[in-house]
Amino acid sequence: MDFSKLRHRVIFLKPLDKRLNSMNENVPVWIPFKPKLSSDINADETSVYVLTDNKGNAVWKSAGGGQLYSHQLSLNEYAVWANVSPMSGREYEESQKLRAETTYKITTRYFPNITEDMKIMFGLKVLDIVSVLNIGENNTELQIVAKEKDRNGKEY
């Protein structure tokens, strides 16, 4: 694996539980997941979670009082190095609205416990993981395919 190509910082998000949003809907709460090579669990892993604002941008909140948590601080604590490149984009019509969808290929070093039920935060974009491939099955490189759908203001 050519580690010099890992120029982006991404954050893995895993589902924690469900909470009621402002419209009394049960929505999943996503928390940052810091991959580790050992079997250690994340300390204090529920202290920060991710929601979205009305424009679809990710908003970091601290569990203690729901105060805002800076994006730069989250990068410092939870981000891993990766190479993110768009693979394809498409537009389709759904319920008489035009929807956009972009597919990304994300390459990173191997981390255990990365699964398809997680999400990836790249900048302020939240991507749904479609597949996770352990390249060569030798636990050195992961290739992840993820999709970003158009931002429609839903909470993650």
C-alpha atoms as a PDB file:
ATOM      1  CA  MET A   1       0.000   0.000   0.000  1.00  0.00           C
ATOM      2  CA  ASP A   2       1.313   3.444  -0.925  1.00  0.00           C
ATOM      3  CA  PHE A   3       0.718   5.454   2.267  1.00  0.00           C
ATOM      4  CA  SER A   4       1.742   8.714   0.545  1.00  0.00           C
ATOM      5  CA  LYS A   5      -1.600   8.687  -1.314  1.00  0.00           C
ATOM      6  CA  LEU A   6      -3.572   8.903   1.948  1.00  0.00           C
ATOM      7  CA  ARG A   7      -4.164  12.659   1.851  1.00  0.00           C
ATOM      8  CA  HIS A   8      -7.660  13.020   3.295  1.00  0.00           C
ATOM      9  CA  ARG A   9      -8.969  12.673   6.826  1.00  0.00           C
ATOM     10  CA  VAL A  10     -12.187  10.754   7.375  1.00  0.00           C
ATOM     11  CA  ILE A  11     -14.137   9.819  10.471  1.00  0.00           C
ATOM     12  CA  PHE A  12     -15.995   6.529  10.820  1.00  0.00           C
ATOM     13  CA  LEU A  13     -19.419   6.770  12.460  1.00  0.00           C
ATOM     14  CA  LYS A  14     -21.256   3.861  14.060  1.00  0.00           C
ATOM     15  CA  PRO A  15     -24.891   3.681  15.176  1.00  0.00           C
ATOM     16  CA  LEU A  16     -25.509   3.952  18.906  1.00  0.00           C
ATOM     17  CA  ASP A  17     -29.259   4.039  19.505  1.00  0.00           C
ATOM     18  CA  LYS A  18     -32.320   6.001  18.427  1.00  0.00           C
ATOM     19  CA  ARG A  19     -33.596   9.338  19.717  1.00  0.00           C
ATOM     20  CA  LEU A  20     -36.619  11.480  19.005  1.00  0.00           C
ATOM     21  CA  ASN A  21     -35.953  14.419  16.707  1.00  0.00           C
ATOM     22  CA  SER A  22     -37.875  17.717  16.579  1.00  0.00           C
ATOM     23  CA  MET A  23     -40.654  16.048  14.554  1.00  0.00           C
ATOM     24  CA  ASN A  24     -41.051  13.185  17.079  1.00  0.00           C
ATOM     25  CA  GLU A  25     -39.472  10.654  14.713  1.00  0.00           C
ATOM     26  CA  ASN A  26     -37.097   7.959  15.931  1.00  0.00           C
ATOM     27  CA  VAL A  27     -33.761   8.630  14.230  1.00  0.00           C
ATOM     28  CA  PRO A  28     -30.464   6.808  14.802  1.00  0.00           C
ATOM     29  CA  VAL A  29     -27.716   8.578  16.715  1.00  0.00           C
ATOM     30  CA  TRP A  30     -24.271   8.255  15.144  1.00  0.00           C
ATOM     31  CA  ILE A  31     -21.136   8.422  17.260  1.00  0.00           C
ATOM     32  CA  PRO A  32     -17.533   8.664  16.090  1.00  0.00           C
ATOM     33  CA  PHE A  33     -15.605   5.412  15.954  1.00  0.00           C
ATOM     34  CA  LYS A  34     -11.829   5.566  16.292  1.00  0.00           C
ATOM     35  CA  PRO A  35     -10.454   2.388  14.726  1.00  0.00           C
ATOM     36  CA  LYS A  36      -7.688   0.730  16.679  1.00  0.00           C
ATOM     37  CA  LEU A  37      -5.423  -2.134  15.794  1.00  0.00           C
ATOM     38  CA  SER A  38      -5.797  -3.697  19.224  1.00  0.00           C
ATOM     39  CA  SER A  39      -8.989  -4.978  20.798  1.00  0.00           C
ATOM     40  CA  ASP A  40      -9.278  -1.949  23.110  1.00  0.00           C
ATOM     41  CA  ILE A  41     -12.704  -0.354  23.138  1.00  0.00           C
ATOM     42  CA  ASN A  42     -13.159   3.368  22.734  1.00  0.00           C
ATOM     43  CA  ALA A  43     -13.048   5.154  26.067  1.00  0.00           C
ATOM     44  CA  ASP A  44     -15.972   7.462  26.714  1.00  0.00           C
ATOM     45  CA  GLU A  45     -17.385   6.656  23.269  1.00  0.00           C
ATOM     46  CA  THR A  46     -20.815   8.155  23.878  1.00  0.00           C
ATOM     47  CA  SER A  47     -19.577  11.621  24.847  1.00  0.00           C
ATOM     48  CA  VAL A  48     -19.966  12.980  21.282  1.00  0.00           C
ATOM     49  CA  TYR A  49     -22.579  12.289  18.616  1.00  0.00           C
ATOM     50  CA  VAL A  50     -23.451  13.579  15.153  1.00  0.00           C
ATOM     51  CA  LEU A  51     -26.705  15.107  13.869  1.00  0.00           C
ATOM     52  CA  THR A  52     -27.413  17.210  10.797  1.00  0.00           C
ATOM     53  CA  ASP A  53     -28.695  20.747  10.483  1.00  0.00           C
ATOM     54  CA  ASN A  54     -31.584  21.801   8.232  1.00  0.00           C
ATOM     55  CA  LYS A  55     -29.220  22.029   5.223  1.00  0.00           C
ATOM     56  CA  GLY A  56     -27.893  18.471   5.673  1.00  0.00           C
ATOM     57  CA  ASN A  57     -24.493  19.484   7.097  1.00  0.00           C
ATOM     58  CA  ALA A  58     -23.122  17.366   9.909  1.00  0.00           C
ATOM     59  CA  VAL A  59     -23.247  18.970  13.358  1.00  0.00           C
ATOM     60  CA  TRP A  60     -21.190  17.618  16.241  1.00  0.00           C
ATOM     61  CA  LYS A  61     -22.796  17.707  19.702  1.00  0.00           C
ATOM     62  CA  SER A  62     -21.472  16.722  23.099  1.00  0.00           C
ATOM     63  CA  ALA A  63     -23.696  14.409  25.113  1.00  0.00           C
ATOM     64  CA  GLY A  64     -23.363  16.547  28.221  1.00  0.00           C
ATOM     65  CA  GLY A  65     -25.977  19.208  27.533  1.00  0.00           C
ATOM     66  CA  GLY A  66     -25.921  18.896  23.747  1.00  0.00           C
ATOM     67  CA  GLN A  67     -23.404  21.708  23.268  1.00  0.00           C
ATOM     68  CA  LEU A  68     -21.709  22.108  19.903  1.00  0.00           C
ATOM     69  CA  TYR A  69     -18.443  20.254  19.440  1.00  0.00           C
ATOM     70  CA  SER A  70     -15.960  21.668  16.943  1.00  0.00           C
ATOM     71  CA  HIS A  71     -15.299  19.887  13.685  1.00  0.00           C
ATOM     72  CA  GLN A  72     -11.554  20.513  14.011  1.00  0.00           C
ATOM     73  CA  LEU A  73     -11.491  18.932  17.476  1.00  0.00           C
ATOM     74  CA  SER A  74     -13.354  15.905  16.127  1.00  0.00           C
ATOM     75  CA  LEU A  75     -10.781  15.578  13.320  1.00  0.00           C
ATOM     76  CA  ASN A  76      -7.956  15.679  15.848  1.00  0.00           C
ATOM     77  CA  GLU A  77      -9.541  13.006  18.046  1.00  0.00           C
ATOM     78  CA  TYR A  78     -11.249  10.603  15.628  1.00  0.00           C
ATOM     79  CA  ALA A  79      -9.970  11.003  12.050  1.00  0.00           C
ATOM     80  CA  VAL A  80      -7.896   8.474  10.127  1.00  0.00           C
ATOM     81  CA  TRP A  81      -5.941   9.026   6.924  1.00  0.00           C
ATOM     82  CA  ALA A  82      -7.549   7.902   3.676  1.00  0.00           C
ATOM     83  CA  ASN A  83      -7.683   8.530  -0.044  1.00  0.00           C
ATOM     84  CA  VAL A  84     -11.140   9.629  -1.149  1.00  0.00           C
ATOM     85  CA  SER A  85     -11.949   9.756  -4.856  1.00  0.00           C
ATOM     86  CA  PRO A  86     -15.308  10.049  -6.608  1.00  0.00           C
ATOM     87  CA  MET A  87     -16.151   7.068  -8.800  1.00  0.00           C
ATOM     88  CA  SER A  88     -19.450   8.054 -10.380  1.00  0.00           C
ATOM     89  CA  GLY A  89     -22.384  10.362 -10.050  1.00  0.00           C
ATOM     90  CA  ARG A  90     -25.944  10.125 -11.243  1.00  0.00           C
ATOM     91  CA  GLU A  91     -29.218  11.931 -11.068  1.00  0.00           C
ATOM     92  CA  TYR A  92     -32.614  10.281 -10.974  1.00  0.00           C
ATOM     93  CA  GLU A  93     -36.186  11.321 -10.530  1.00  0.00           C
ATOM     94  CA  GLU A  94     -37.999  10.222  -7.403  1.00  0.00           C
ATOM     95  CA  SER A  95     -41.474  11.453  -6.484  1.00  0.00           C
ATOM     96  CA  GLN A  96     -41.219  14.157  -9.134  1.00  0.00           C
ATOM     97  CA  LYS A  97     -37.999  15.531  -7.616  1.00  0.00           C
ATOM     98  CA  LEU A  98     -34.534  15.359  -9.083  1.00  0.00           C
ATOM     99  CA  ARG A  99     -32.127  13.491  -6.769  1.00  0.00           C
ATOM    100  CA  ALA A 100     -28.352  13.376  -7.019  1.00  0.00           C
ATOM    101  CA  GLU A 101     -26.148  10.525  -5.860  1.00  0.00           C
ATOM    102  CA  THR A 102     -22.342  10.322  -5.868  1.00  0.00           C
ATOM    103  CA  THR A 103     -20.312   7.155  -5.289  1.00  0.00           C
ATOM    104  CA  TYR A 104     -16.846   7.363  -3.714  1.00  0.00           C
ATOM    105  CA  LYS A 105     -13.956   4.929  -3.443  1.00  0.00           C
ATOM    106  CA  ILE A 106     -12.177   5.315  -0.109  1.00  0.00           C
ATOM    107  CA  THR A 107      -8.845   3.604   0.483  1.00  0.00           C
ATOM    108  CA  THR A 108      -7.339   3.386   3.949  1.00  0.00           C
ATOM    109  CA  ARG A 109      -5.062   1.132   5.923  1.00  0.00           C
ATOM    110  CA  TYR A 110      -6.690  -1.947   7.406  1.00  0.00           C
ATOM    111  CA  PHE A 111      -8.717  -1.520  10.582  1.00  0.00           C
ATOM    112  CA  PRO A 112     -10.768  -4.312  12.136  1.00  0.00           C
ATOM    113  CA  ASN A 113     -14.481  -3.865  12.898  1.00  0.00           C
ATOM    114  CA  ILE A 114     -15.315  -1.578   9.949  1.00  0.00           C
ATOM    115  CA  THR A 115     -18.711  -2.749   8.644  1.00  0.00           C
ATOM    116  CA  GLU A 116     -21.399  -1.799   6.120  1.00  0.00           C
ATOM    117  CA  ASP A 117     -23.764  -0.517   8.839  1.00  0.00           C
ATOM    118  CA  MET A 118     -21.387   2.380   9.561  1.00  0.00           C
ATOM    119  CA  LYS A 119     -21.067   5.761   7.871  1.00  0.00           C
ATOM    120  CA  ILE A 120     -18.059   7.868   6.909  1.00  0.00           C
ATOM    121  CA  MET A 121     -17.743  11.569   7.480  1.00  0.00           C
ATOM    122  CA  PHE A 122     -15.626  13.323   4.847  1.00  0.00           C
ATOM    123  CA  GLY A 123     -15.481  17.052   5.457  1.00  0.00           C
ATOM    124  CA  LEU A 124     -19.089  17.896   6.261  1.00  0.00           C
ATOM    125  CA  LYS A 125     -20.436  15.130   4.017  1.00  0.00           C
ATOM    126  CA  VAL A 126     -21.832  11.961   5.561  1.00  0.00           C
ATOM    127  CA  LEU A 127     -21.430   8.926   3.309  1.00  0.00           C
ATOM    128  CA  ASP A 128     -23.265   5.593   3.570  1.00  0.00           C
ATOM    129  CA  ILE A 129     -20.908   2.603   3.356  1.00  0.00           C
ATOM    130  CA  VAL A 130     -21.947   0.197   0.599  1.00  0.00           C
ATOM    131  CA  SER A 131     -19.105  -2.320   0.821  1.00  0.00           C
ATOM    132  CA  VAL A 132     -15.862  -2.933   2.704  1.00  0.00           C
ATOM    133  CA  LEU A 133     -13.143  -4.975   0.984  1.00  0.00           C
ATOM    134  CA  ASN A 134      -9.996  -6.300   2.657  1.00  0.00           C
ATOM    135  CA  ILE A 135      -7.671  -6.060  -0.363  1.00  0.00           C
ATOM    136  CA  GLY A 136      -5.621  -9.241  -0.802  1.00  0.00           C
ATOM    137  CA  GLU A 137      -7.044 -10.598   2.487  1.00  0.00           C
ATOM    138  CA  ASN A 138      -3.729  -9.748   4.142  1.00  0.00           C
ATOM    139  CA  ASN A 139      -5.038  -7.082   6.574  1.00  0.00           C
ATOM    140  CA  THR A 140      -3.037  -4.170   5.166  1.00  0.00           C
ATOM    141  CA  GLU A 141      -5.528  -2.174   3.072  1.00  0.00           C
ATOM    142  CA  LEU A 142      -9.276  -1.527   3.067  1.00  0.00           C
ATOM    143  CA  GLN A 143     -11.164  -0.385   0.004  1.00  0.00           C
ATOM    144  CA  ILE A 144     -14.560   1.071   0.859  1.00  0.00           C
ATOM    145  CA  VAL A 145     -17.316   2.021  -1.552  1.00  0.00           C
ATOM    146  CA  ALA A 146     -19.618   4.703  -0.131  1.00  0.00           C
ATOM    147  CA  LYS A 147     -22.526   6.773  -1.465  1.00  0.00           C
ATOM    148  CA  GLU A 148     -23.548  10.333  -0.786  1.00  0.00           C
ATOM    149  CA  LYS A 149     -27.150  11.121  -1.528  1.00  0.00           C
ATOM    150  CA  ASP A 150     -28.371  14.657  -1.998  1.00  0.00           C
ATOM    151  CA  ARG A 151     -28.757  16.685   1.169  1.00  0.00           C
ATOM    152  CA  ASN A 152     -32.381  16.904   2.140  1.00  0.00           C
ATOM    153  CA  GLY A 153     -32.194  18.003   5.777  1.00  0.00           C
ATOM    154  CA  LYS A 154     -32.775  14.635   7.443  1.00  0.00           C
ATOM    155  CA  GLU A 155     -31.046  13.919  10.727  1.00  0.00           C
ATOM    156  CA  TYR A 156     -28.571  11.062  10.874  1.00  0.00           C
END
